N, C-alpha and C. Protein backbone atom coordinates (compact mmCIF):
# COMPACT_ATOMS: atom_id res chain seq x y z
N MET A 1 -13.90 -17.85 -53.43
CA MET A 1 -13.04 -17.27 -52.49
C MET A 1 -12.49 -18.24 -51.44
N ILE A 2 -11.20 -18.26 -51.57
CA ILE A 2 -10.47 -19.61 -50.59
C ILE A 2 -10.29 -18.59 -49.06
N ARG A 3 -10.66 -19.40 -47.73
CA ARG A 3 -10.56 -18.77 -46.68
C ARG A 3 -9.72 -20.24 -45.85
N VAL A 4 -8.35 -20.15 -45.61
CA VAL A 4 -7.76 -20.94 -44.71
C VAL A 4 -7.22 -20.92 -43.67
N PRO A 5 -8.14 -20.92 -42.48
CA PRO A 5 -7.12 -20.26 -41.38
C PRO A 5 -5.82 -21.25 -41.19
N PRO A 6 -4.98 -20.64 -39.92
CA PRO A 6 -3.75 -21.38 -39.67
C PRO A 6 -4.39 -22.42 -38.93
N ARG A 7 -2.83 -23.59 -39.16
CA ARG A 7 -3.76 -24.90 -38.80
C ARG A 7 -3.41 -25.24 -37.58
N ARG A 8 -2.05 -23.81 -37.13
CA ARG A 8 -1.55 -23.75 -35.60
C ARG A 8 -0.74 -22.27 -35.31
N GLY A 9 -0.69 -22.28 -34.14
CA GLY A 9 -0.50 -21.41 -33.70
C GLY A 9 -1.36 -20.13 -33.71
N GLY A 10 -1.39 -18.58 -33.08
CA GLY A 10 -2.47 -18.11 -33.43
C GLY A 10 -2.26 -17.07 -34.50
N TRP A 11 -3.51 -16.53 -34.25
CA TRP A 11 -3.93 -15.88 -35.43
C TRP A 11 -5.20 -14.43 -34.73
N LEU A 12 -5.26 -13.31 -35.83
CA LEU A 12 -6.42 -12.59 -35.86
C LEU A 12 -7.62 -12.41 -36.90
N GLU A 13 -8.59 -12.59 -36.24
CA GLU A 13 -9.81 -12.52 -37.40
C GLU A 13 -10.38 -10.89 -37.08
N VAL A 14 -10.92 -10.18 -37.96
CA VAL A 14 -11.57 -9.63 -37.28
C VAL A 14 -13.08 -9.05 -38.01
N VAL A 15 -14.10 -9.19 -37.61
CA VAL A 15 -15.45 -8.67 -38.02
C VAL A 15 -15.90 -7.41 -37.66
N CYS A 16 -16.26 -6.79 -38.87
CA CYS A 16 -16.57 -5.10 -38.80
C CYS A 16 -17.50 -5.03 -39.98
N GLY A 17 -18.30 -3.97 -39.92
CA GLY A 17 -19.64 -3.48 -40.42
C GLY A 17 -20.43 -2.06 -40.00
N PRO A 18 -20.94 -1.47 -40.28
CA PRO A 18 -22.38 -0.98 -39.47
C PRO A 18 -23.10 -1.49 -38.35
N MET A 19 -23.85 -0.54 -37.64
CA MET A 19 -24.42 -1.21 -36.78
C MET A 19 -25.95 -1.98 -36.84
N PHE A 20 -26.21 -2.95 -36.14
CA PHE A 20 -27.22 -3.91 -36.62
C PHE A 20 -26.81 -4.63 -38.32
N SER A 21 -25.55 -5.18 -38.48
CA SER A 21 -24.71 -6.05 -39.14
C SER A 21 -24.89 -7.52 -38.71
N GLY A 22 -25.05 -7.59 -37.68
CA GLY A 22 -24.82 -8.57 -37.28
C GLY A 22 -23.27 -9.10 -36.46
N LYS A 23 -22.62 -8.24 -36.31
CA LYS A 23 -20.64 -8.30 -35.80
C LYS A 23 -20.69 -9.22 -34.94
N SER A 24 -21.57 -9.04 -33.37
CA SER A 24 -21.65 -9.66 -32.15
C SER A 24 -21.92 -10.81 -32.35
N GLU A 25 -22.99 -10.81 -33.39
CA GLU A 25 -23.62 -12.97 -33.48
C GLU A 25 -22.88 -13.44 -34.12
N GLU A 26 -21.64 -12.81 -35.31
CA GLU A 26 -21.11 -13.70 -35.43
C GLU A 26 -19.68 -13.89 -35.02
N MET A 27 -19.49 -13.12 -34.01
CA MET A 27 -18.16 -13.19 -33.22
C MET A 27 -18.65 -14.36 -31.98
N ILE A 28 -20.01 -14.27 -31.71
CA ILE A 28 -20.57 -15.34 -30.47
C ILE A 28 -20.46 -16.65 -31.23
N ARG A 29 -21.02 -16.46 -32.30
CA ARG A 29 -21.02 -17.87 -33.14
C ARG A 29 -19.70 -18.59 -33.55
N ARG A 30 -18.74 -17.82 -33.55
CA ARG A 30 -17.75 -18.72 -33.43
C ARG A 30 -16.86 -18.61 -32.33
N LEU A 31 -17.09 -18.14 -31.31
CA LEU A 31 -16.73 -18.46 -29.80
C LEU A 31 -17.73 -19.89 -29.47
N ARG A 32 -18.78 -20.01 -30.00
CA ARG A 32 -19.69 -21.10 -29.10
C ARG A 32 -18.83 -22.47 -30.15
N ARG A 33 -18.31 -22.23 -31.27
CA ARG A 33 -18.20 -23.62 -32.10
C ARG A 33 -16.83 -23.75 -31.15
N ALA A 34 -16.00 -22.52 -31.00
CA ALA A 34 -14.69 -22.91 -29.98
C ALA A 34 -14.65 -23.75 -28.83
N GLU A 35 -16.03 -23.14 -28.06
CA GLU A 35 -16.28 -23.81 -26.89
C GLU A 35 -16.49 -25.46 -27.06
N ILE A 36 -18.03 -25.72 -28.22
CA ILE A 36 -18.29 -26.95 -28.51
C ILE A 36 -17.00 -28.02 -28.98
N ALA A 37 -15.71 -27.15 -29.19
CA ALA A 37 -14.53 -28.18 -29.61
C ALA A 37 -13.34 -28.45 -28.30
N GLY A 38 -13.62 -27.85 -27.05
CA GLY A 38 -13.43 -27.87 -25.71
C GLY A 38 -12.46 -26.64 -25.74
N GLN A 39 -12.28 -25.66 -26.43
CA GLN A 39 -11.06 -24.55 -26.00
C GLN A 39 -11.68 -24.04 -25.12
N ARG A 40 -10.87 -23.51 -24.90
CA ARG A 40 -11.12 -22.33 -23.31
C ARG A 40 -11.12 -20.96 -23.81
N VAL A 41 -12.28 -20.81 -23.76
CA VAL A 41 -13.21 -19.30 -24.39
C VAL A 41 -13.11 -18.35 -23.64
N LEU A 42 -12.70 -16.68 -23.61
CA LEU A 42 -13.03 -15.56 -23.12
C LEU A 42 -13.70 -14.53 -23.69
N LEU A 43 -14.50 -13.85 -23.58
CA LEU A 43 -14.59 -12.69 -24.27
C LEU A 43 -14.99 -11.78 -23.52
N PHE A 44 -14.33 -10.45 -24.07
CA PHE A 44 -14.28 -9.32 -23.47
C PHE A 44 -15.06 -8.00 -24.33
N LYS A 45 -15.30 -6.76 -23.09
CA LYS A 45 -15.93 -5.63 -23.79
C LYS A 45 -15.80 -4.49 -23.11
N PRO A 46 -15.55 -3.98 -23.82
CA PRO A 46 -15.16 -2.53 -22.95
C PRO A 46 -15.97 -1.99 -21.89
N ARG A 47 -15.90 -1.22 -20.83
CA ARG A 47 -16.78 -1.49 -19.77
C ARG A 47 -17.53 -0.07 -20.39
N ILE A 48 -17.33 0.79 -20.95
CA ILE A 48 -18.21 1.56 -21.71
C ILE A 48 -19.44 0.87 -22.29
N ASP A 49 -19.72 -0.05 -22.43
CA ASP A 49 -20.50 -0.58 -23.54
C ASP A 49 -21.64 -1.41 -22.43
N ASP A 50 -22.76 -0.16 -21.97
CA ASP A 50 -23.25 -0.89 -20.71
C ASP A 50 -24.67 -0.78 -21.53
N ARG A 51 -24.78 -1.05 -23.03
CA ARG A 51 -26.22 -0.56 -23.44
C ARG A 51 -27.49 -1.64 -22.79
N TYR A 52 -27.14 -2.99 -22.92
CA TYR A 52 -28.27 -4.07 -22.84
C TYR A 52 -27.58 -4.84 -21.73
N ASP A 53 -26.20 -4.63 -20.84
CA ASP A 53 -26.25 -5.76 -19.90
C ASP A 53 -24.95 -5.51 -19.08
N LEU A 54 -24.16 -5.49 -18.45
CA LEU A 54 -23.29 -5.06 -17.65
C LEU A 54 -21.94 -5.94 -17.96
N ALA A 55 -22.62 -7.10 -18.11
CA ALA A 55 -21.83 -8.29 -17.63
C ALA A 55 -21.59 -8.86 -19.60
N ASP A 56 -22.92 -9.31 -19.78
CA ASP A 56 -22.90 -10.07 -20.97
C ASP A 56 -22.32 -9.22 -22.50
N VAL A 57 -21.78 -9.81 -23.27
CA VAL A 57 -22.31 -8.86 -24.80
C VAL A 57 -23.52 -9.71 -25.05
N VAL A 58 -24.50 -8.62 -25.55
CA VAL A 58 -25.68 -8.75 -26.38
C VAL A 58 -25.96 -8.20 -27.42
N SER A 59 -25.83 -9.20 -28.46
CA SER A 59 -26.59 -8.30 -30.17
C SER A 59 -28.20 -7.58 -30.03
N HIS A 60 -27.99 -6.88 -31.04
CA HIS A 60 -29.54 -5.93 -31.00
C HIS A 60 -30.40 -7.12 -31.40
N ALA A 61 -30.00 -8.52 -31.78
CA ALA A 61 -31.46 -9.12 -31.77
C ALA A 61 -31.45 -10.56 -30.66
N GLY A 62 -30.85 -9.58 -29.59
CA GLY A 62 -30.84 -10.54 -28.67
C GLY A 62 -29.49 -11.69 -27.68
N VAL A 63 -29.06 -11.96 -29.29
CA VAL A 63 -28.07 -13.55 -28.47
C VAL A 63 -27.07 -12.70 -28.03
N ARG A 64 -26.55 -13.96 -26.48
CA ARG A 64 -25.91 -13.39 -25.58
C ARG A 64 -24.66 -14.00 -25.19
N MET A 65 -23.67 -13.86 -24.51
CA MET A 65 -22.98 -14.77 -24.31
C MET A 65 -21.99 -13.60 -23.26
N SER A 66 -21.67 -14.79 -21.82
CA SER A 66 -21.05 -14.16 -20.66
C SER A 66 -19.71 -13.10 -21.05
N ALA A 67 -19.05 -11.97 -20.76
CA ALA A 67 -18.00 -11.68 -20.90
C ALA A 67 -17.45 -11.20 -20.00
N VAL A 68 -16.37 -10.48 -20.08
CA VAL A 68 -15.71 -9.28 -18.93
C VAL A 68 -15.60 -8.21 -19.30
N ALA A 69 -16.01 -7.41 -18.76
CA ALA A 69 -16.05 -5.78 -18.83
C ALA A 69 -14.69 -5.27 -18.42
N VAL A 70 -14.03 -4.90 -19.08
CA VAL A 70 -12.34 -4.69 -19.08
C VAL A 70 -12.18 -2.71 -19.45
N ASP A 71 -11.33 -2.36 -18.44
CA ASP A 71 -11.60 -0.91 -18.43
C ASP A 71 -10.17 -0.61 -19.72
N GLY A 72 -9.43 -1.39 -19.92
CA GLY A 72 -8.47 -1.04 -20.81
C GLY A 72 -7.70 -2.54 -21.30
N CYS A 73 -6.77 -2.74 -22.17
CA CYS A 73 -6.00 -3.76 -22.96
C CYS A 73 -5.20 -4.26 -21.53
N ALA A 74 -4.88 -3.51 -20.59
CA ALA A 74 -3.79 -3.93 -20.31
C ALA A 74 -4.55 -4.99 -19.14
N GLU A 75 -5.35 -5.02 -18.70
CA GLU A 75 -6.19 -5.48 -18.01
C GLU A 75 -6.80 -6.78 -18.92
N LEU A 76 -7.18 -6.29 -20.25
CA LEU A 76 -7.46 -7.37 -21.01
C LEU A 76 -6.73 -8.59 -21.18
N VAL A 77 -5.33 -8.13 -21.56
CA VAL A 77 -4.07 -9.16 -22.00
C VAL A 77 -4.14 -10.06 -20.27
N ALA A 78 -4.22 -9.26 -19.26
CA ALA A 78 -3.94 -10.03 -17.89
C ALA A 78 -5.14 -11.10 -17.88
N ARG A 79 -5.99 -10.78 -17.88
CA ARG A 79 -7.17 -12.02 -17.93
C ARG A 79 -7.29 -13.07 -18.97
N ALA A 80 -6.44 -13.13 -20.15
CA ALA A 80 -6.26 -13.60 -21.39
C ALA A 80 -5.91 -14.74 -20.98
N ARG A 81 -4.62 -14.95 -19.88
CA ARG A 81 -3.66 -15.70 -19.70
C ARG A 81 -4.56 -17.05 -19.73
N GLY A 82 -4.20 -18.12 -20.05
CA GLY A 82 -4.51 -19.84 -20.08
C GLY A 82 -5.87 -19.61 -21.20
N CYS A 83 -6.41 -19.15 -22.49
CA CYS A 83 -7.02 -19.44 -23.09
C CYS A 83 -6.58 -19.68 -24.11
N ASP A 84 -7.50 -20.10 -25.30
CA ASP A 84 -7.44 -20.72 -26.36
C ASP A 84 -7.80 -19.78 -27.35
N VAL A 85 -9.13 -18.87 -27.07
CA VAL A 85 -9.50 -18.12 -27.87
C VAL A 85 -10.11 -17.05 -27.11
N VAL A 86 -10.31 -15.83 -27.72
CA VAL A 86 -10.46 -14.67 -27.08
C VAL A 86 -11.02 -13.54 -28.13
N GLY A 87 -12.54 -13.44 -27.62
CA GLY A 87 -12.93 -12.23 -28.32
C GLY A 87 -13.01 -10.99 -27.77
N ILE A 88 -12.97 -10.03 -28.62
CA ILE A 88 -13.34 -8.69 -28.47
C ILE A 88 -14.07 -7.57 -28.87
N ASP A 89 -15.38 -7.40 -28.14
CA ASP A 89 -16.45 -7.00 -28.81
C ASP A 89 -16.32 -5.20 -28.80
N GLU A 90 -16.64 -4.72 -29.53
CA GLU A 90 -16.73 -3.26 -29.83
C GLU A 90 -15.27 -2.10 -29.79
N ALA A 91 -14.72 -3.17 -30.53
CA ALA A 91 -13.27 -2.72 -30.25
C ALA A 91 -12.63 -1.26 -30.84
N GLN A 92 -13.66 -0.71 -31.32
CA GLN A 92 -13.58 0.43 -31.74
C GLN A 92 -13.22 1.33 -30.33
N PHE A 93 -13.96 0.92 -29.45
CA PHE A 93 -14.12 1.43 -28.01
C PHE A 93 -12.49 2.01 -27.29
N PHE A 94 -12.02 0.81 -27.57
CA PHE A 94 -10.69 0.48 -26.86
C PHE A 94 -9.36 1.76 -27.31
N GLU A 95 -8.37 1.46 -26.82
CA GLU A 95 -7.48 2.50 -26.78
C GLU A 95 -6.78 1.89 -28.13
N SER A 96 -5.60 3.02 -28.91
CA SER A 96 -4.68 2.22 -29.96
C SER A 96 -4.14 0.89 -29.61
N SER A 97 -3.81 0.83 -28.16
CA SER A 97 -2.70 -0.18 -27.85
C SER A 97 -3.63 -1.37 -28.37
N ILE A 98 -4.60 -1.64 -28.47
CA ILE A 98 -5.55 -2.96 -28.53
C ILE A 98 -5.12 -3.62 -29.69
N VAL A 99 -4.35 -2.75 -30.24
CA VAL A 99 -3.88 -3.86 -31.65
C VAL A 99 -2.74 -4.53 -31.20
N ASP A 100 -1.78 -3.70 -30.45
CA ASP A 100 -0.35 -4.36 -29.97
C ASP A 100 -1.19 -5.52 -29.28
N ALA A 101 -2.30 -5.35 -28.23
CA ALA A 101 -2.17 -6.54 -27.34
C ALA A 101 -2.57 -7.56 -28.59
N ALA A 102 -3.72 -7.03 -29.44
CA ALA A 102 -4.21 -8.67 -29.93
C ALA A 102 -2.95 -8.90 -30.73
N LEU A 103 -2.55 -8.45 -31.34
CA LEU A 103 -0.96 -9.00 -31.82
C LEU A 103 -0.28 -9.94 -30.99
N ALA A 104 0.33 -9.16 -29.59
CA ALA A 104 0.38 -9.98 -28.81
C ALA A 104 -0.12 -11.28 -28.41
N LEU A 105 -1.34 -11.45 -28.36
CA LEU A 105 -2.40 -12.63 -27.69
C LEU A 105 -1.84 -13.79 -28.70
N ALA A 106 -2.33 -13.06 -30.19
CA ALA A 106 -1.77 -14.06 -31.14
C ALA A 106 -0.67 -14.65 -31.50
N ASP A 107 0.43 -13.41 -31.17
CA ASP A 107 2.00 -14.23 -31.08
C ASP A 107 2.16 -15.21 -29.99
N GLY A 108 1.54 -15.09 -28.83
CA GLY A 108 1.28 -16.03 -28.29
C GLY A 108 0.59 -17.35 -28.44
N GLY A 109 -0.02 -17.40 -29.39
CA GLY A 109 -0.79 -18.97 -29.56
C GLY A 109 -2.03 -18.54 -29.75
N LEU A 110 -3.03 -17.69 -29.28
CA LEU A 110 -4.53 -17.73 -29.02
C LEU A 110 -4.88 -17.16 -30.34
N ARG A 111 -6.15 -17.75 -30.83
CA ARG A 111 -7.06 -17.45 -31.84
C ARG A 111 -7.90 -15.99 -31.17
N VAL A 112 -7.69 -14.95 -31.78
CA VAL A 112 -8.39 -13.87 -31.50
C VAL A 112 -9.36 -12.97 -31.95
N ILE A 113 -10.43 -12.96 -32.04
CA ILE A 113 -11.69 -12.81 -32.68
C ILE A 113 -12.01 -11.15 -32.26
N ALA A 114 -11.61 -10.23 -33.31
CA ALA A 114 -12.01 -8.72 -32.88
C ALA A 114 -13.49 -8.30 -33.78
N ALA A 115 -14.69 -7.97 -32.73
CA ALA A 115 -15.57 -6.96 -33.62
C ALA A 115 -15.68 -5.83 -33.28
N GLY A 116 -15.82 -4.94 -34.18
CA GLY A 116 -16.28 -3.58 -34.00
C GLY A 116 -16.80 -2.90 -35.33
N LEU A 117 -16.59 -1.48 -35.41
CA LEU A 117 -17.49 -0.57 -36.11
C LEU A 117 -15.98 -0.63 -36.95
N ASP A 118 -16.01 -0.54 -38.14
CA ASP A 118 -14.97 -0.24 -39.22
C ASP A 118 -15.18 1.79 -39.34
N GLN A 119 -16.23 2.27 -39.26
CA GLN A 119 -16.91 3.65 -39.64
C GLN A 119 -17.37 4.31 -38.50
N ASP A 120 -16.90 5.54 -38.08
CA ASP A 120 -17.87 6.20 -37.13
C ASP A 120 -19.03 6.78 -38.00
N PHE A 121 -20.27 7.75 -37.21
CA PHE A 121 -20.94 7.85 -37.58
C PHE A 121 -20.90 9.37 -38.85
N ARG A 122 -19.73 9.52 -39.22
CA ARG A 122 -19.33 10.56 -40.33
C ARG A 122 -18.97 9.68 -41.26
N ARG A 123 -18.62 8.19 -41.66
CA ARG A 123 -18.40 7.66 -42.06
C ARG A 123 -16.92 7.69 -42.31
N LEU A 124 -16.32 8.02 -41.12
CA LEU A 124 -14.75 7.82 -40.90
C LEU A 124 -13.81 6.83 -40.61
N PRO A 125 -12.91 6.21 -40.68
CA PRO A 125 -12.12 4.71 -40.07
C PRO A 125 -12.32 5.25 -38.58
N PHE A 126 -12.81 4.17 -37.39
CA PHE A 126 -13.28 4.58 -36.31
C PHE A 126 -12.16 3.73 -35.59
N GLY A 127 -11.12 4.82 -34.69
CA GLY A 127 -10.39 4.13 -34.15
C GLY A 127 -9.33 3.10 -34.45
N PRO A 128 -9.27 2.00 -33.33
CA PRO A 128 -7.90 1.23 -33.91
C PRO A 128 -8.04 0.40 -35.01
N MET A 129 -9.83 0.37 -35.41
CA MET A 129 -10.21 -0.93 -36.74
C MET A 129 -9.74 -0.76 -37.29
N PRO A 130 -9.09 0.45 -38.51
CA PRO A 130 -8.53 0.32 -39.44
C PRO A 130 -6.77 -0.50 -39.22
N GLU A 131 -6.02 -0.34 -38.53
CA GLU A 131 -4.97 -1.09 -38.15
C GLU A 131 -5.51 -2.45 -37.88
N LEU A 132 -6.26 -2.83 -36.73
CA LEU A 132 -6.63 -3.97 -36.99
C LEU A 132 -6.78 -5.27 -38.04
N LEU A 133 -7.24 -4.41 -38.77
CA LEU A 133 -8.07 -4.72 -40.35
C LEU A 133 -7.05 -5.40 -41.02
N ALA A 134 -5.82 -4.52 -41.16
CA ALA A 134 -4.54 -4.59 -41.97
C ALA A 134 -3.66 -5.35 -40.95
N ARG A 135 -4.04 -5.33 -40.03
CA ARG A 135 -2.94 -6.66 -39.14
C ARG A 135 -3.31 -8.02 -39.48
N ALA A 136 -5.08 -7.88 -39.62
CA ALA A 136 -5.79 -9.37 -39.42
C ALA A 136 -5.16 -10.32 -40.56
N GLU A 137 -5.51 -12.07 -40.20
CA GLU A 137 -5.49 -13.06 -41.06
C GLU A 137 -6.88 -13.06 -41.95
N LEU A 138 -7.84 -13.09 -41.27
CA LEU A 138 -8.99 -13.16 -41.55
C LEU A 138 -10.09 -12.04 -41.35
N VAL A 139 -11.01 -11.14 -42.48
CA VAL A 139 -11.34 -10.19 -42.28
C VAL A 139 -13.19 -10.72 -43.14
N ASP A 140 -13.49 -10.12 -42.09
CA ASP A 140 -14.95 -10.12 -42.60
C ASP A 140 -16.08 -9.19 -42.66
N LYS A 141 -16.30 -8.31 -43.49
CA LYS A 141 -16.97 -7.15 -43.69
C LYS A 141 -18.46 -7.04 -43.61
N LEU A 142 -19.38 -7.21 -42.78
CA LEU A 142 -20.90 -7.35 -43.16
C LEU A 142 -21.63 -6.01 -43.45
N GLN A 143 -23.05 -6.75 -44.00
CA GLN A 143 -23.59 -5.47 -44.20
C GLN A 143 -25.08 -5.12 -43.58
N ALA A 144 -25.45 -4.40 -43.39
CA ALA A 144 -26.80 -4.40 -42.33
C ALA A 144 -28.01 -4.02 -43.74
N VAL A 145 -28.76 -3.85 -43.30
CA VAL A 145 -30.45 -3.73 -44.18
C VAL A 145 -30.32 -1.81 -43.95
N CYS A 146 -30.44 -1.00 -44.88
CA CYS A 146 -31.00 0.49 -44.53
C CYS A 146 -32.16 0.59 -44.38
N HIS A 147 -32.06 1.19 -42.99
CA HIS A 147 -33.61 1.48 -42.47
C HIS A 147 -34.23 2.46 -43.21
N ARG A 148 -33.71 2.99 -44.52
CA ARG A 148 -34.51 4.11 -45.49
C ARG A 148 -34.86 3.13 -46.59
N CYS A 149 -34.28 3.00 -47.19
CA CYS A 149 -34.52 2.20 -48.72
C CYS A 149 -34.44 0.99 -48.71
N GLY A 150 -34.18 -0.26 -47.49
CA GLY A 150 -33.91 -1.26 -47.67
C GLY A 150 -32.77 -2.31 -48.00
N GLY A 151 -32.35 -1.33 -48.50
CA GLY A 151 -30.73 -2.01 -49.42
C GLY A 151 -29.61 -2.12 -48.69
N PRO A 152 -28.39 -2.70 -49.03
CA PRO A 152 -27.51 -2.98 -48.64
C PRO A 152 -26.66 -1.70 -47.77
N ALA A 153 -26.50 -1.59 -46.41
CA ALA A 153 -26.24 -0.55 -45.89
C ALA A 153 -24.63 -0.86 -45.18
N THR A 154 -23.88 0.47 -45.42
CA THR A 154 -22.37 -0.26 -44.79
C THR A 154 -22.34 1.17 -43.99
N THR A 155 -22.64 1.83 -43.68
CA THR A 155 -22.57 3.06 -42.71
C THR A 155 -23.85 3.39 -41.69
N THR A 156 -22.85 3.54 -40.97
CA THR A 156 -23.93 3.98 -39.29
C THR A 156 -24.40 5.80 -39.41
N GLN A 157 -25.47 5.69 -39.17
CA GLN A 157 -26.61 7.30 -38.78
C GLN A 157 -26.98 7.70 -37.82
N ARG A 158 -25.95 8.40 -37.34
CA ARG A 158 -26.53 8.88 -35.52
C ARG A 158 -27.42 9.80 -35.91
N LEU A 159 -28.60 10.06 -35.09
CA LEU A 159 -29.81 10.81 -34.93
C LEU A 159 -29.96 11.58 -33.49
N VAL A 160 -29.80 12.43 -33.95
CA VAL A 160 -30.56 13.47 -32.42
C VAL A 160 -31.79 14.07 -33.17
N ASP A 161 -32.78 13.60 -32.07
CA ASP A 161 -34.39 13.89 -32.59
C ASP A 161 -34.92 13.44 -33.45
N GLY A 162 -34.41 12.31 -33.86
CA GLY A 162 -35.16 11.65 -35.17
C GLY A 162 -33.92 12.52 -36.71
N ARG A 163 -33.28 13.31 -36.64
CA ARG A 163 -32.48 13.70 -37.60
C ARG A 163 -31.28 13.44 -37.86
N PRO A 164 -30.18 13.63 -38.48
CA PRO A 164 -29.08 13.22 -38.90
C PRO A 164 -28.47 14.19 -37.57
N ALA A 165 -27.37 13.49 -36.89
CA ALA A 165 -26.49 14.27 -35.73
C ALA A 165 -25.30 15.21 -36.54
N PRO A 166 -25.48 16.19 -36.42
CA PRO A 166 -23.94 17.02 -36.98
C PRO A 166 -22.98 16.26 -36.33
N TYR A 167 -22.11 16.47 -38.21
CA TYR A 167 -20.89 15.70 -37.62
C TYR A 167 -19.64 16.00 -36.60
N ASP A 168 -19.93 17.64 -36.20
CA ASP A 168 -19.12 18.30 -35.06
C ASP A 168 -19.45 17.63 -33.53
N GLY A 169 -20.16 16.36 -33.31
CA GLY A 169 -20.90 16.26 -32.16
C GLY A 169 -19.16 15.27 -31.59
N GLU A 170 -19.48 14.23 -30.98
CA GLU A 170 -18.67 13.65 -30.26
C GLU A 170 -18.62 12.38 -30.84
N THR A 171 -17.11 11.59 -31.13
CA THR A 171 -17.22 10.71 -31.99
C THR A 171 -18.08 9.27 -31.50
N ILE A 172 -17.43 9.72 -29.63
CA ILE A 172 -18.38 8.09 -29.37
C ILE A 172 -19.42 8.66 -28.63
N VAL A 173 -20.78 8.10 -28.66
CA VAL A 173 -21.84 8.18 -27.89
C VAL A 173 -22.48 6.39 -28.15
N VAL A 174 -22.30 5.94 -27.04
CA VAL A 174 -23.20 4.67 -26.82
C VAL A 174 -24.32 4.75 -27.00
N GLY A 175 -25.16 3.76 -27.94
CA GLY A 175 -26.75 3.65 -28.16
C GLY A 175 -27.09 2.76 -28.63
N ALA A 176 -28.31 2.59 -29.23
CA ALA A 176 -28.89 1.60 -30.17
C ALA A 176 -30.08 1.96 -31.14
N LEU A 177 -30.94 1.90 -31.22
CA LEU A 177 -31.80 1.89 -32.20
C LEU A 177 -32.22 3.40 -31.71
N ASP A 178 -32.46 4.03 -30.46
CA ASP A 178 -32.94 5.34 -30.49
C ASP A 178 -32.36 6.22 -31.01
N SER A 179 -31.23 5.75 -31.43
CA SER A 179 -29.96 6.98 -31.40
C SER A 179 -28.74 6.34 -33.08
N TYR A 180 -29.44 5.16 -33.38
CA TYR A 180 -28.82 5.34 -34.39
C TYR A 180 -29.65 4.54 -35.82
N GLU A 181 -29.37 4.80 -36.80
CA GLU A 181 -29.70 3.68 -38.27
C GLU A 181 -28.51 2.93 -38.90
N ALA A 182 -28.71 2.19 -39.37
CA ALA A 182 -28.00 1.47 -40.61
C ALA A 182 -28.49 2.29 -41.59
N ARG A 183 -27.35 2.75 -42.66
CA ARG A 183 -27.76 3.53 -44.19
C ARG A 183 -26.60 3.16 -44.84
N CYS A 184 -27.79 3.04 -46.38
CA CYS A 184 -26.51 2.99 -47.65
C CYS A 184 -25.72 4.28 -47.40
N ARG A 185 -24.89 4.54 -48.89
CA ARG A 185 -24.25 5.28 -49.00
C ARG A 185 -25.06 6.44 -49.63
N ASP A 186 -26.33 5.99 -50.35
CA ASP A 186 -27.23 7.00 -50.66
C ASP A 186 -28.00 7.90 -49.45
N CYS A 187 -28.57 6.92 -48.80
CA CYS A 187 -28.96 7.49 -47.89
C CYS A 187 -28.90 8.25 -46.61
N HIS A 188 -27.63 8.03 -46.38
CA HIS A 188 -26.56 8.61 -45.19
C HIS A 188 -26.37 9.79 -45.70
N SER A 189 -26.93 10.99 -44.77
CA SER A 189 -26.63 12.31 -44.94
C SER A 189 -25.93 13.38 -43.52
N ALA A 190 -25.17 14.11 -43.56
CA ALA A 190 -24.73 14.83 -42.79
C ALA A 190 -25.61 16.07 -42.26
N GLY A 191 -25.39 16.00 -40.80
CA GLY A 191 -26.06 16.95 -40.17
C GLY A 191 -26.21 18.23 -40.42
N GLN A 192 -27.12 19.13 -39.95
CA GLN A 192 -27.42 20.56 -40.56
C GLN A 192 -26.28 21.55 -40.30
N ASP A 193 -25.52 20.75 -39.36
CA ASP A 193 -24.30 21.46 -38.69
C ASP A 193 -23.13 21.81 -39.25
N SER A 194 -22.83 20.45 -40.18
CA SER A 194 -21.69 20.08 -40.71
C SER A 194 -20.96 20.53 -41.91
N ALA A 195 -21.64 21.65 -42.30
CA ALA A 195 -21.38 22.20 -43.76
C ALA A 195 -19.82 22.32 -43.90
N ALA A 196 -19.59 23.29 -42.13
CA ALA A 196 -18.35 23.68 -42.41
C ALA A 196 -17.04 22.72 -42.01
N TRP A 197 -18.03 21.66 -41.60
CA TRP A 197 -17.08 20.27 -41.23
C TRP A 197 -16.55 19.89 -42.21
N MET A 198 -17.49 19.20 -43.39
CA MET A 198 -17.54 18.75 -44.49
C MET A 198 -16.74 19.72 -45.48
N ALA A 199 -16.51 20.97 -45.40
CA ALA A 199 -15.80 21.56 -46.21
C ALA A 199 -14.51 22.10 -45.86
N ALA A 200 -13.92 21.45 -44.51
CA ALA A 200 -12.59 21.64 -44.45
C ALA A 200 -11.31 20.78 -44.64
C-alpha cells in the first residue's frame, strides 16, 4: 500500500473504527508529531463528550491532549484561524455541516485530522462519518479486540445492565466501558426489543 500525503496545501484525513480501537490515540500521535515539527496545532472536541475530562481529549488508555470543547461547527471554524493542523475528535457527534467545515479548512490550506466512530451501536453508518470518509484524502480504519472472543472487532456493542441494548434506543448515548464493548461481527448482538426494528 502506497500512502503519499499532499506536499502542499491542505487535506483531510480520517481515523475511524469501533470504540476501544485507538482512534483518539492515533489522532493525538499525529498532532504531537506536527507540534514537534513546529506547526500550529489545535484539537477540538464536541462539548457533549465529557466522559474523562471537560477540556482534554483523553483516550480509553489514558493518553491525553489539551482540546477546545465546542458547541458546533461555526465555533470550530472560527477558532481554527491561524492554525496549520486541526484535530476533530468524536466527529460523529457533530452536525452534518462538519463535512463542509472540514473541507473548507482543508481548502484553506490546513491539514484536518478527524477521528470518530464509523458505525453506531446498530452497525449503521454514524452521522456525518460516511461523507467525511468519502471526501478524505487519507483514511485509516482501525480494529479493536473483541471483548467476547478476542478476535478483530469492527463494531461497538451498547450494553444496558450487561445485556445488548435494544436497537430502538437513542443513537447518541455517551459512555465508556460501563456501557459499551468492542465486538466482532459474530459476537455483535441485537437487543431483545430489536426484532421489529430489524424486520423493518
